[in-house]
PDB file of N, CA and C in Angstrom:
ATOM      1  N   UNK A   1       9.048 -36.414  11.652  1.00  0.00           N
ATOM      2  CA  UNK A   1       9.541 -37.755  11.445  1.00  0.00           C
ATOM      3  C   UNK A   1      10.282 -37.787  10.114  1.00  0.00           C
ATOM      4  N   UNK A   2      11.372 -38.460  10.067  1.00  0.00           N
ATOM      5  CA  UNK A   2      12.157 -38.526   8.838  1.00  0.00           C
ATOM      6  C   UNK A   2      12.610 -39.952   8.587  1.00  0.00           C
ATOM      7  N   UNK A   3      12.615 -40.312   7.319  1.00  0.00           N
ATOM      8  CA  UNK A   3      13.163 -41.598   6.897  1.00  0.00           C
ATOM      9  C   UNK A   3      14.283 -41.297   5.910  1.00  0.00           C
ATOM     10  N   UNK A   4      14.821 -42.316   5.320  1.00  0.00           N
ATOM     11  CA  UNK A   4      15.952 -42.121   4.412  1.00  0.00           C
ATOM     12  C   UNK A   4      15.615 -41.191   3.246  1.00  0.00           C
ATOM     13  N   UNK A   5      14.407 -41.293   2.677  1.00  0.00           N
ATOM     14  CA  UNK A   5      14.058 -40.498   1.498  1.00  0.00           C
ATOM     15  C   UNK A   5      12.875 -39.563   1.710  1.00  0.00           C
ATOM     16  N   UNK A   6      12.272 -39.594   2.860  1.00  0.00           N
ATOM     17  CA  UNK A   6      11.051 -38.820   3.065  1.00  0.00           C
ATOM     18  C   UNK A   6      11.099 -38.065   4.381  1.00  0.00           C
ATOM     19  N   UNK A   7      10.435 -36.935   4.379  1.00  0.00           N
ATOM     20  CA  UNK A   7      10.271 -36.182   5.611  1.00  0.00           C
ATOM     21  C   UNK A   7       8.786 -35.935   5.795  1.00  0.00           C
ATOM     22  N   UNK A   8       8.343 -35.946   7.024  1.00  0.00           N
ATOM     23  CA  UNK A   8       6.936 -35.696   7.308  1.00  0.00           C
ATOM     24  C   UNK A   8       6.844 -34.702   8.445  1.00  0.00           C
ATOM     25  N   UNK A   9       5.836 -33.897   8.402  1.00  0.00           N
ATOM     26  CA  UNK A   9       5.589 -32.902   9.431  1.00  0.00           C
ATOM     27  C   UNK A   9       4.176 -33.112   9.930  1.00  0.00           C
ATOM     28  N   UNK A  10       4.017 -33.285  11.219  1.00  0.00           N
ATOM     29  CA  UNK A  10       2.702 -33.486  11.799  1.00  0.00           C
ATOM     30  C   UNK A  10       2.306 -32.234  12.559  1.00  0.00           C
ATOM     31  N   UNK A  11       1.147 -31.699  12.264  1.00  0.00           N
ATOM     32  CA  UNK A  11       0.632 -30.510  12.925  1.00  0.00           C
ATOM     33  C   UNK A  11      -0.678 -30.840  13.611  1.00  0.00           C
ATOM     34  N   UNK A  12      -0.954 -30.172  14.709  1.00  0.00           N
ATOM     35  CA  UNK A  12      -2.184 -30.390  15.445  1.00  0.00           C
ATOM     36  C   UNK A  12      -2.858 -29.046  15.660  1.00  0.00           C
ATOM     37  N   UNK A  13      -4.142 -29.051  15.873  1.00  0.00           N
ATOM     38  CA  UNK A  13      -4.937 -27.845  16.123  1.00  0.00           C
ATOM     39  C   UNK A  13      -4.921 -26.883  14.940  1.00  0.00           C
ATOM     40  N   UNK A  14      -5.065 -27.392  13.749  1.00  0.00           N
ATOM     41  CA  UNK A  14      -5.124 -26.556  12.549  1.00  0.00           C
ATOM     42  C   UNK A  14      -6.579 -26.208  12.288  1.00  0.00           C
ATOM     43  N   UNK A  15      -6.820 -24.943  12.017  1.00  0.00           N
ATOM     44  CA  UNK A  15      -8.172 -24.484  11.702  1.00  0.00           C
ATOM     45  C   UNK A  15      -8.156 -23.939  10.286  1.00  0.00           C
ATOM     46  N   UNK A  16      -9.027 -24.463   9.446  1.00  0.00           N
ATOM     47  CA  UNK A  16      -9.166 -23.986   8.075  1.00  0.00           C
ATOM     48  C   UNK A  16     -10.523 -23.321   7.957  1.00  0.00           C
ATOM     49  N   UNK A  17     -10.500 -22.069   7.574  1.00  0.00           N
ATOM     50  CA  UNK A  17     -11.751 -21.337   7.394  1.00  0.00           C
ATOM     51  C   UNK A  17     -11.917 -21.092   5.904  1.00  0.00           C
ATOM     52  N   UNK A  18     -12.972 -21.618   5.351  1.00  0.00           N
ATOM     53  CA  UNK A  18     -13.238 -21.457   3.920  1.00  0.00           C
ATOM     54  C   UNK A  18     -14.562 -20.720   3.762  1.00  0.00           C
ATOM     55  N   UNK A  19     -14.652 -19.939   2.731  1.00  0.00           N
ATOM     56  CA  UNK A  19     -15.894 -19.218   2.489  1.00  0.00           C
ATOM     57  C   UNK A  19     -15.925 -18.695   1.078  1.00  0.00           C
ATOM     58  N   UNK A  20     -17.034 -18.094   0.752  1.00  0.00           N
ATOM     59  CA  UNK A  20     -17.208 -17.513  -0.568  1.00  0.00           C
ATOM     60  C   UNK A  20     -16.789 -16.059  -0.561  1.00  0.00           C
ATOM     61  N   UNK A  21     -16.418 -15.569  -1.724  1.00  0.00           N
ATOM     62  CA  UNK A  21     -16.103 -14.163  -1.873  1.00  0.00           C
ATOM     63  C   UNK A  21     -17.403 -13.379  -1.761  1.00  0.00           C
ATOM     64  N   UNK A  22     -17.480 -12.552  -0.754  1.00  0.00           N
ATOM     65  CA  UNK A  22     -18.707 -11.790  -0.516  1.00  0.00           C
ATOM     66  C   UNK A  22     -18.656 -10.459  -1.251  1.00  0.00           C
ATOM     67  N   UNK A  23     -19.790  -9.804  -1.357  1.00  0.00           N
ATOM     68  CA  UNK A  23     -19.880  -8.506  -2.018  1.00  0.00           C
ATOM     69  C   UNK A  23     -18.982  -7.495  -1.324  1.00  0.00           C
ATOM     70  N   UNK A  24     -18.927  -7.518   0.003  1.00  0.00           N
ATOM     71  CA  UNK A  24     -18.102  -6.560   0.729  1.00  0.00           C
ATOM     72  C   UNK A  24     -16.621  -6.772   0.423  1.00  0.00           C
ATOM     73  N   UNK A  25     -16.192  -8.045   0.211  1.00  0.00           N
ATOM     74  CA  UNK A  25     -14.809  -8.321  -0.153  1.00  0.00           C
ATOM     75  C   UNK A  25     -14.490  -7.733  -1.522  1.00  0.00           C
ATOM     76  N   UNK A  26     -15.394  -7.880  -2.458  1.00  0.00           N
ATOM     77  CA  UNK A  26     -15.195  -7.322  -3.793  1.00  0.00           C
ATOM     78  C   UNK A  26     -15.182  -5.800  -3.733  1.00  0.00           C
ATOM     79  N   UNK A  27     -16.022  -5.226  -2.905  1.00  0.00           N
ATOM     80  CA  UNK A  27     -16.069  -3.770  -2.760  1.00  0.00           C
ATOM     81  C   UNK A  27     -14.734  -3.253  -2.247  1.00  0.00           C
ATOM     82  N   UNK A  28     -14.138  -3.936  -1.287  1.00  0.00           N
ATOM     83  CA  UNK A  28     -12.849  -3.514  -0.757  1.00  0.00           C
ATOM     84  C   UNK A  28     -11.798  -3.500  -1.851  1.00  0.00           C
ATOM     85  N   UNK A  29     -11.813  -4.492  -2.717  1.00  0.00           N
ATOM     86  CA  UNK A  29     -10.845  -4.562  -3.803  1.00  0.00           C
ATOM     87  C   UNK A  29     -11.016  -3.385  -4.757  1.00  0.00           C
ATOM     88  N   UNK A  30     -12.247  -3.008  -5.046  1.00  0.00           N
ATOM     89  CA  UNK A  30     -12.513  -1.903  -5.959  1.00  0.00           C
ATOM     90  C   UNK A  30     -12.166  -0.557  -5.334  1.00  0.00           C
ATOM     91  N   UNK A  31     -12.212  -0.439  -4.010  1.00  0.00           N
ATOM     92  CA  UNK A  31     -11.938   0.818  -3.325  1.00  0.00           C
ATOM     93  C   UNK A  31     -10.473   1.039  -3.018  1.00  0.00           C
ATOM     94  N   UNK A  32      -9.643   0.097  -3.319  1.00  0.00           N
ATOM     95  CA  UNK A  32      -8.240   0.221  -2.948  1.00  0.00           C
ATOM     96  C   UNK A  32      -7.545   1.339  -3.726  1.00  0.00           C
ATOM     97  N   UNK A  33      -6.429   1.748  -3.190  1.00  0.00           N
ATOM     98  CA  UNK A  33      -5.600   2.773  -3.835  1.00  0.00           C
ATOM     99  C   UNK A  33      -4.301   2.093  -4.239  1.00  0.00           C
ATOM    100  N   UNK A  34      -4.030   2.074  -5.521  1.00  0.00           N
ATOM    101  CA  UNK A  34      -2.781   1.493  -6.022  1.00  0.00           C
ATOM    102  C   UNK A  34      -1.821   2.631  -6.324  1.00  0.00           C
ATOM    103  N   UNK A  35      -0.538   2.403  -6.060  1.00  0.00           N
ATOM    104  CA  UNK A  35       0.448   3.441  -6.333  1.00  0.00           C
ATOM    105  C   UNK A  35       1.784   2.823  -6.683  1.00  0.00           C
ATOM    106  N   UNK A  36       2.556   3.561  -7.461  1.00  0.00           N
ATOM    107  CA  UNK A  36       3.899   3.149  -7.829  1.00  0.00           C
ATOM    108  C   UNK A  36       4.694   4.362  -8.261  1.00  0.00           C
ATOM    109  N   UNK A  37       6.006   4.191  -8.270  1.00  0.00           N
ATOM    110  CA  UNK A  37       6.929   5.238  -8.700  1.00  0.00           C
ATOM    111  C   UNK A  37       7.289   4.954 -10.153  1.00  0.00           C
ATOM    112  N   UNK A  38       7.294   6.004 -10.972  1.00  0.00           N
ATOM    113  CA  UNK A  38       7.631   5.805 -12.386  1.00  0.00           C
ATOM    114  C   UNK A  38       9.094   5.404 -12.534  1.00  0.00           C
ATOM    115  N   UNK A  39       9.493   5.009 -13.737  1.00  0.00           N
ATOM    116  CA  UNK A  39      10.837   4.477 -13.984  1.00  0.00           C
ATOM    117  C   UNK A  39      11.941   5.492 -13.680  1.00  0.00           C
ATOM    118  N   UNK A  40      11.659   6.758 -13.848  1.00  0.00           N
ATOM    119  CA  UNK A  40      12.663   7.792 -13.587  1.00  0.00           C
ATOM    120  C   UNK A  40      12.726   8.198 -12.122  1.00  0.00           C
ATOM    121  N   UNK A  41      11.845   7.653 -11.285  1.00  0.00           N
ATOM    122  CA  UNK A  41      11.743   7.999  -9.859  1.00  0.00           C
ATOM    123  C   UNK A  41      11.473   9.485  -9.646  1.00  0.00           C
ATOM    124  N   UNK A  42      10.637  10.058 -10.505  1.00  0.00           N
ATOM    125  CA  UNK A  42      10.295  11.476 -10.373  1.00  0.00           C
ATOM    126  C   UNK A  42       8.829  11.713 -10.035  1.00  0.00           C
ATOM    127  N   UNK A  43       7.987  10.689 -10.231  1.00  0.00           N
ATOM    128  CA  UNK A  43       6.549  10.854 -10.022  1.00  0.00           C
ATOM    129  C   UNK A  43       5.993   9.646  -9.284  1.00  0.00           C
ATOM    130  N   UNK A  44       5.188   9.910  -8.259  1.00  0.00           N
ATOM    131  CA  UNK A  44       4.419   8.879  -7.580  1.00  0.00           C
ATOM    132  C   UNK A  44       3.039   8.894  -8.215  1.00  0.00           C
ATOM    133  N   UNK A  45       2.655   7.780  -8.816  1.00  0.00           N
ATOM    134  CA  UNK A  45       1.371   7.706  -9.506  1.00  0.00           C
ATOM    135  C   UNK A  45       0.368   6.926  -8.668  1.00  0.00           C
ATOM    136  N   UNK A  46      -0.856   7.442  -8.604  1.00  0.00           N
ATOM    137  CA  UNK A  46      -1.941   6.829  -7.835  1.00  0.00           C
ATOM    138  C   UNK A  46      -3.073   6.446  -8.774  1.00  0.00           C
ATOM    139  N   UNK A  47      -3.650   5.273  -8.552  1.00  0.00           N
ATOM    140  CA  UNK A  47      -4.846   4.873  -9.284  1.00  0.00           C
ATOM    141  C   UNK A  47      -5.892   4.484  -8.249  1.00  0.00           C
ATOM    142  N   UNK A  48      -7.017   5.156  -8.302  1.00  0.00           N
ATOM    143  CA  UNK A  48      -8.108   4.878  -7.377  1.00  0.00           C
ATOM    144  C   UNK A  48      -9.408   5.431  -7.941  1.00  0.00           C
ATOM    145  N   UNK A  49     -10.501   4.853  -7.496  1.00  0.00           N
ATOM    146  CA  UNK A  49     -11.813   5.387  -7.857  1.00  0.00           C
ATOM    147  C   UNK A  49     -12.322   6.328  -6.765  1.00  0.00           C
ATOM    148  N   UNK A  50     -11.594   6.412  -5.670  1.00  0.00           N
ATOM    149  CA  UNK A  50     -11.967   7.285  -4.555  1.00  0.00           C
ATOM    150  C   UNK A  50     -11.566   8.723  -4.835  1.00  0.00           C
ATOM    151  N   UNK A  51     -12.233   9.655  -4.192  1.00  0.00           N
ATOM    152  CA  UNK A  51     -11.839  11.058  -4.241  1.00  0.00           C
ATOM    153  C   UNK A  51     -10.830  11.293  -3.119  1.00  0.00           C
ATOM    154  N   UNK A  52      -9.666  11.783  -3.484  1.00  0.00           N
ATOM    155  CA  UNK A  52      -8.608  11.995  -2.510  1.00  0.00           C
ATOM    156  C   UNK A  52      -8.719  13.384  -1.898  1.00  0.00           C
ATOM    157  N   UNK A  53      -8.560  13.435  -0.585  1.00  0.00           N
ATOM    158  CA  UNK A  53      -8.630  14.704   0.137  1.00  0.00           C
ATOM    159  C   UNK A  53      -7.239  15.261   0.416  1.00  0.00           C
ATOM    160  N   UNK A  54      -6.343  14.371   0.867  1.00  0.00           N
ATOM    161  CA  UNK A  54      -5.007  14.830   1.249  1.00  0.00           C
ATOM    162  C   UNK A  54      -4.043  13.655   1.218  1.00  0.00           C
ATOM    163  N   UNK A  55      -2.803  13.939   0.815  1.00  0.00           N
ATOM    164  CA  UNK A  55      -1.738  12.938   0.908  1.00  0.00           C
ATOM    165  C   UNK A  55      -0.565  13.571   1.637  1.00  0.00           C
ATOM    166  N   UNK A  56      -0.005  12.795   2.545  1.00  0.00           N
ATOM    167  CA  UNK A  56       1.197  13.209   3.261  1.00  0.00           C
ATOM    168  C   UNK A  56       2.253  12.146   3.022  1.00  0.00           C
ATOM    169  N   UNK A  57       3.469  12.602   2.756  1.00  0.00           N
ATOM    170  CA  UNK A  57       4.578  11.686   2.534  1.00  0.00           C
ATOM    171  C   UNK A  57       5.634  11.970   3.593  1.00  0.00           C
ATOM    172  N   UNK A  58       6.083  10.894   4.249  1.00  0.00           N
ATOM    173  CA  UNK A  58       7.052  10.996   5.334  1.00  0.00           C
ATOM    174  C   UNK A  58       8.318  10.235   4.966  1.00  0.00           C
ATOM    175  N   UNK A  59       9.467  10.798   5.315  1.00  0.00           N
ATOM    176  CA  UNK A  59      10.743  10.090   5.168  1.00  0.00           C
ATOM    177  C   UNK A  59      10.800   8.981   6.223  1.00  0.00           C
ATOM    178  N   UNK A  60      11.716   8.064   6.054  1.00  0.00           N
ATOM    179  CA  UNK A  60      11.867   6.963   7.012  1.00  0.00           C
ATOM    180  C   UNK A  60      12.151   7.481   8.417  1.00  0.00           C
ATOM    181  N   UNK A  61      12.716   8.676   8.526  1.00  0.00           N
ATOM    182  CA  UNK A  61      13.011   9.272   9.832  1.00  0.00           C
ATOM    183  C   UNK A  61      11.755   9.793  10.529  1.00  0.00           C
ATOM    184  N   UNK A  62      10.636   9.868   9.794  1.00  0.00           N
ATOM    185  CA  UNK A  62       9.383  10.369  10.362  1.00  0.00           C
ATOM    186  C   UNK A  62       9.092  11.813  10.008  1.00  0.00           C
ATOM    187  N   UNK A  63      10.019  12.473   9.337  1.00  0.00           N
ATOM    188  CA  UNK A  63       9.844  13.873   8.950  1.00  0.00           C
ATOM    189  C   UNK A  63       8.906  13.963   7.746  1.00  0.00           C
ATOM    190  N   UNK A  64       7.906  14.856   7.851  1.00  0.00           N
ATOM    191  CA  UNK A  64       6.983  15.067   6.735  1.00  0.00           C
ATOM    192  C   UNK A  64       7.717  15.825   5.639  1.00  0.00           C
ATOM    193  N   UNK A  65       7.731  15.250   4.425  1.00  0.00           N
ATOM    194  CA  UNK A  65       8.459  15.880   3.324  1.00  0.00           C
ATOM    195  C   UNK A  65       7.524  16.454   2.258  1.00  0.00           C
ATOM    196  N   UNK A  66       6.305  15.949   2.182  1.00  0.00           N
ATOM    197  CA  UNK A  66       5.315  16.467   1.228  1.00  0.00           C
ATOM    198  C   UNK A  66       3.941  16.399   1.865  1.00  0.00           C
ATOM    199  N   UNK A  67       3.189  17.479   1.715  1.00  0.00           N
ATOM    200  CA  UNK A  67       1.772  17.458   2.075  1.00  0.00           C
ATOM    201  C   UNK A  67       1.025  18.102   0.915  1.00  0.00           C
ATOM    202  N   UNK A  68       0.068  17.395   0.398  1.00  0.00           N
ATOM    203  CA  UNK A  68      -0.643  17.852  -0.784  1.00  0.00           C
ATOM    204  C   UNK A  68      -2.145  17.774  -0.517  1.00  0.00           C
ATOM    205  N   UNK A  69      -2.808  18.920  -0.508  1.00  0.00           N
ATOM    206  CA  UNK A  69      -4.255  18.981  -0.339  1.00  0.00           C
ATOM    207  C   UNK A  69      -4.896  18.842  -1.713  1.00  0.00           C
ATOM    208  N   UNK A  70      -5.918  18.030  -1.805  1.00  0.00           N
ATOM    209  CA  UNK A  70      -6.599  17.740  -3.077  1.00  0.00           C
ATOM    210  C   UNK A  70      -5.599  17.290  -4.138  1.00  0.00           C
ATOM    211  N   UNK A  71      -4.880  16.202  -3.845  1.00  0.00           N
ATOM    212  CA  UNK A  71      -3.835  15.753  -4.767  1.00  0.00           C
ATOM    213  C   UNK A  71      -4.411  15.218  -6.077  1.00  0.00           C
ATOM    214  N   UNK A  72      -3.630  15.326  -7.088  1.00  0.00           N
ATOM    215  CA  UNK A  72      -3.934  14.715  -8.382  1.00  0.00           C
ATOM    216  C   UNK A  72      -3.453  13.267  -8.325  1.00  0.00           C
ATOM    217  N   UNK A  73      -3.561  12.561  -9.421  1.00  0.00           N
ATOM    218  CA  UNK A  73      -3.115  11.171  -9.436  1.00  0.00           C
ATOM    219  C   UNK A  73      -1.620  11.040  -9.677  1.00  0.00           C
ATOM    220  N   UNK A  74      -0.950  12.155  -9.960  1.00  0.00           N
ATOM    221  CA  UNK A  74       0.502  12.139 -10.129  1.00  0.00           C
ATOM    222  C   UNK A  74       1.106  13.190  -9.201  1.00  0.00           C
ATOM    223  N   UNK A  75       2.048  12.751  -8.362  1.00  0.00           N
ATOM    224  CA  UNK A  75       2.663  13.637  -7.384  1.00  0.00           C
ATOM    225  C   UNK A  75       4.165  13.703  -7.668  1.00  0.00           C
ATOM    226  N   UNK A  76       4.670  14.917  -7.794  1.00  0.00           N
ATOM    227  CA  UNK A  76       6.081  15.146  -8.092  1.00  0.00           C
ATOM    228  C   UNK A  76       6.936  14.789  -6.878  1.00  0.00           C
ATOM    229  N   UNK A  77       7.816  13.815  -7.039  1.00  0.00           N
ATOM    230  CA  UNK A  77       8.729  13.427  -5.958  1.00  0.00           C
ATOM    231  C   UNK A  77      10.177  13.603  -6.402  1.00  0.00           C
ATOM    232  N   UNK A  78      10.398  14.389  -7.446  1.00  0.00           N
ATOM    233  CA  UNK A  78      11.740  14.538  -8.012  1.00  0.00           C
ATOM    234  C   UNK A  78      12.721  15.178  -7.034  1.00  0.00           C
ATOM    235  N   UNK A  79      12.236  15.967  -6.077  1.00  0.00           N
ATOM    236  CA  UNK A  79      13.135  16.634  -5.134  1.00  0.00           C
ATOM    237  C   UNK A  79      13.498  15.758  -3.930  1.00  0.00           C
ATOM    238  N   UNK A  80      12.857  14.592  -3.803  1.00  0.00           N
ATOM    239  CA  UNK A  80      13.148  13.707  -2.670  1.00  0.00           C
ATOM    240  C   UNK A  80      14.432  12.928  -2.907  1.00  0.00           C
ATOM    241  N   UNK A  81      15.166  12.694  -1.843  1.00  0.00           N
ATOM    242  CA  UNK A  81      16.375  11.867  -1.912  1.00  0.00           C
ATOM    243  C   UNK A  81      15.982  10.405  -2.046  1.00  0.00           C
ATOM    244  N   UNK A  82      16.850   9.576  -2.611  1.00  0.00           N
ATOM    245  CA  UNK A  82      16.553   8.147  -2.677  1.00  0.00           C
ATOM    246  C   UNK A  82      16.339   7.571  -1.280  1.00  0.00           C
ATOM    247  N   UNK A  83      15.411   6.653  -1.160  1.00  0.00           N
ATOM    248  CA  UNK A  83      15.146   6.021   0.126  1.00  0.00           C
ATOM    249  C   UNK A  83      13.714   5.544   0.240  1.00  0.00           C
ATOM    250  N   UNK A  84      13.353   5.077   1.431  1.00  0.00           N
ATOM    251  CA  UNK A  84      12.006   4.588   1.699  1.00  0.00           C
ATOM    252  C   UNK A  84      11.156   5.723   2.259  1.00  0.00           C
ATOM    253  N   UNK A  85       9.911   5.781   1.806  1.00  0.00           N
ATOM    254  CA  UNK A  85       8.966   6.799   2.247  1.00  0.00           C
ATOM    255  C   UNK A  85       7.641   6.140   2.607  1.00  0.00           C
ATOM    256  N   UNK A  86       6.940   6.768   3.524  1.00  0.00           N
ATOM    257  CA  UNK A  86       5.631   6.296   3.958  1.00  0.00           C
ATOM    258  C   UNK A  86       4.583   7.319   3.550  1.00  0.00           C
ATOM    259  N   UNK A  87       3.428   6.829   3.137  1.00  0.00           N
ATOM    260  CA  UNK A  87       2.351   7.723   2.721  1.00  0.00           C
ATOM    261  C   UNK A  87       1.147   7.556   3.634  1.00  0.00           C
ATOM    262  N   UNK A  88       0.445   8.646   3.815  1.00  0.00           N
ATOM    263  CA  UNK A  88      -0.838   8.650   4.508  1.00  0.00           C
ATOM    264  C   UNK A  88      -1.804   9.376   3.573  1.00  0.00           C
ATOM    265  N   UNK A  89      -2.775   8.630   3.044  1.00  0.00           N
ATOM    266  CA  UNK A  89      -3.706   9.179   2.072  1.00  0.00           C
ATOM    267  C   UNK A  89      -5.091   9.221   2.690  1.00  0.00           C
ATOM    268  N   UNK A  90      -5.654  10.415   2.768  1.00  0.00           N
ATOM    269  CA  UNK A  90      -6.990  10.597   3.324  1.00  0.00           C
ATOM    270  C   UNK A  90      -7.973  10.793   2.175  1.00  0.00           C
ATOM    271  N   UNK A  91      -9.094  10.080   2.246  1.00  0.00           N
ATOM    272  CA  UNK A  91     -10.107  10.182   1.206  1.00  0.00           C
ATOM    273  C   UNK A  91     -11.258  11.062   1.678  1.00  0.00           C
ATOM    274  N   UNK A  92     -12.100  11.479   0.729  1.00  0.00           N
ATOM    275  CA  UNK A  92     -13.238  12.334   1.062  1.00  0.00           C
ATOM    276  C   UNK A  92     -14.212  11.681   2.038  1.00  0.00           C
ATOM    277  N   UNK A  93     -14.262  10.349   2.044  1.00  0.00           N
ATOM    278  CA  UNK A  93     -15.176   9.666   2.959  1.00  0.00           C
ATOM    279  C   UNK A  93     -14.578   9.474   4.355  1.00  0.00           C
ATOM    280  N   UNK A  94     -13.421  10.093   4.603  1.00  0.00           N
ATOM    281  CA  UNK A  94     -12.830  10.082   5.939  1.00  0.00           C
ATOM    282  C   UNK A  94     -11.905   8.921   6.225  1.00  0.00           C
ATOM    283  N   UNK A  95     -11.702   8.037   5.292  1.00  0.00           N
ATOM    284  CA  UNK A  95     -10.815   6.899   5.512  1.00  0.00           C
ATOM    285  C   UNK A  95      -9.372   7.301   5.232  1.00  0.00           C
ATOM    286  N   UNK A  96      -8.452   6.685   5.975  1.00  0.00           N
ATOM    287  CA  UNK A  96      -7.029   6.939   5.781  1.00  0.00           C
ATOM    288  C   UNK A  96      -6.354   5.639   5.383  1.00  0.00           C
ATOM    289  N   UNK A  97      -5.589   5.693   4.313  1.00  0.00           N
ATOM    290  CA  UNK A  97      -4.856   4.535   3.813  1.00  0.00           C
ATOM    291  C   UNK A  97      -3.374   4.845   3.950  1.00  0.00           C
ATOM    292  N   UNK A  98      -2.644   3.929   4.561  1.00  0.00           N
ATOM    293  CA  UNK A  98      -1.203   4.122   4.709  1.00  0.00           C
ATOM    294  C   UNK A  98      -0.478   3.095   3.847  1.00  0.00           C
ATOM    295  N   UNK A  99       0.652   3.495   3.331  1.00  0.00           N
ATOM    296  CA  UNK A  99       1.445   2.612   2.484  1.00  0.00           C
ATOM    297  C   UNK A  99       2.886   3.110   2.497  1.00  0.00           C
ATOM    298  N   UNK A 100       3.721   2.453   1.706  1.00  0.00           N
ATOM    299  CA  UNK A 100       5.112   2.891   1.598  1.00  0.00           C
ATOM    300  C   UNK A 100       5.581   2.694   0.171  1.00  0.00           C
ATOM    301  N   UNK A 101       6.637   3.404  -0.179  1.00  0.00           N
ATOM    302  CA  UNK A 101       7.261   3.241  -1.484  1.00  0.00           C
ATOM    303  C   UNK A 101       8.746   3.521  -1.358  1.00  0.00           C
ATOM    304  N   UNK A 102       9.491   3.076  -2.348  1.00  0.00           N
ATOM    305  CA  UNK A 102      10.936   3.292  -2.373  1.00  0.00           C
ATOM    306  C   UNK A 102      11.259   4.139  -3.590  1.00  0.00           C
ATOM    307  N   UNK A 103      12.005   5.207  -3.363  1.00  0.00           N
ATOM    308  CA  UNK A 103      12.497   6.031  -4.463  1.00  0.00           C
ATOM    309  C   UNK A 103      13.953   5.649  -4.691  1.00  0.00           C
ATOM    310  N   UNK A 104      14.270   5.320  -5.935  1.00  0.00           N
ATOM    311  CA  UNK A 104      15.653   4.928  -6.264  1.00  0.00           C
ATOM    312  C   UNK A 104      16.450   6.086  -6.764  1.00  0.00           C
TER     313      UNK A 104
END
């Protein structure tokens, strides 16, 4: 509905779910893996409290360009061409985290 100076939007069947932050939610936040590319676009840096088992990096075409067993928190990406890449990070507890990054 609209008037000369006001607009209104009417919605029906809205469900609002509210709750408290549970311990498991906080645990998930602490277990996350954060990553970014340094300013020179030569190193992919990882920050995590998890033990990493393996990281695989794929080009946007799907071709695997890096596989690193027992990776450190800094991975050399200086030989990669600029573009978007996808990561698959496996942890010692068997979980796999996927993400993406852009190399400039």
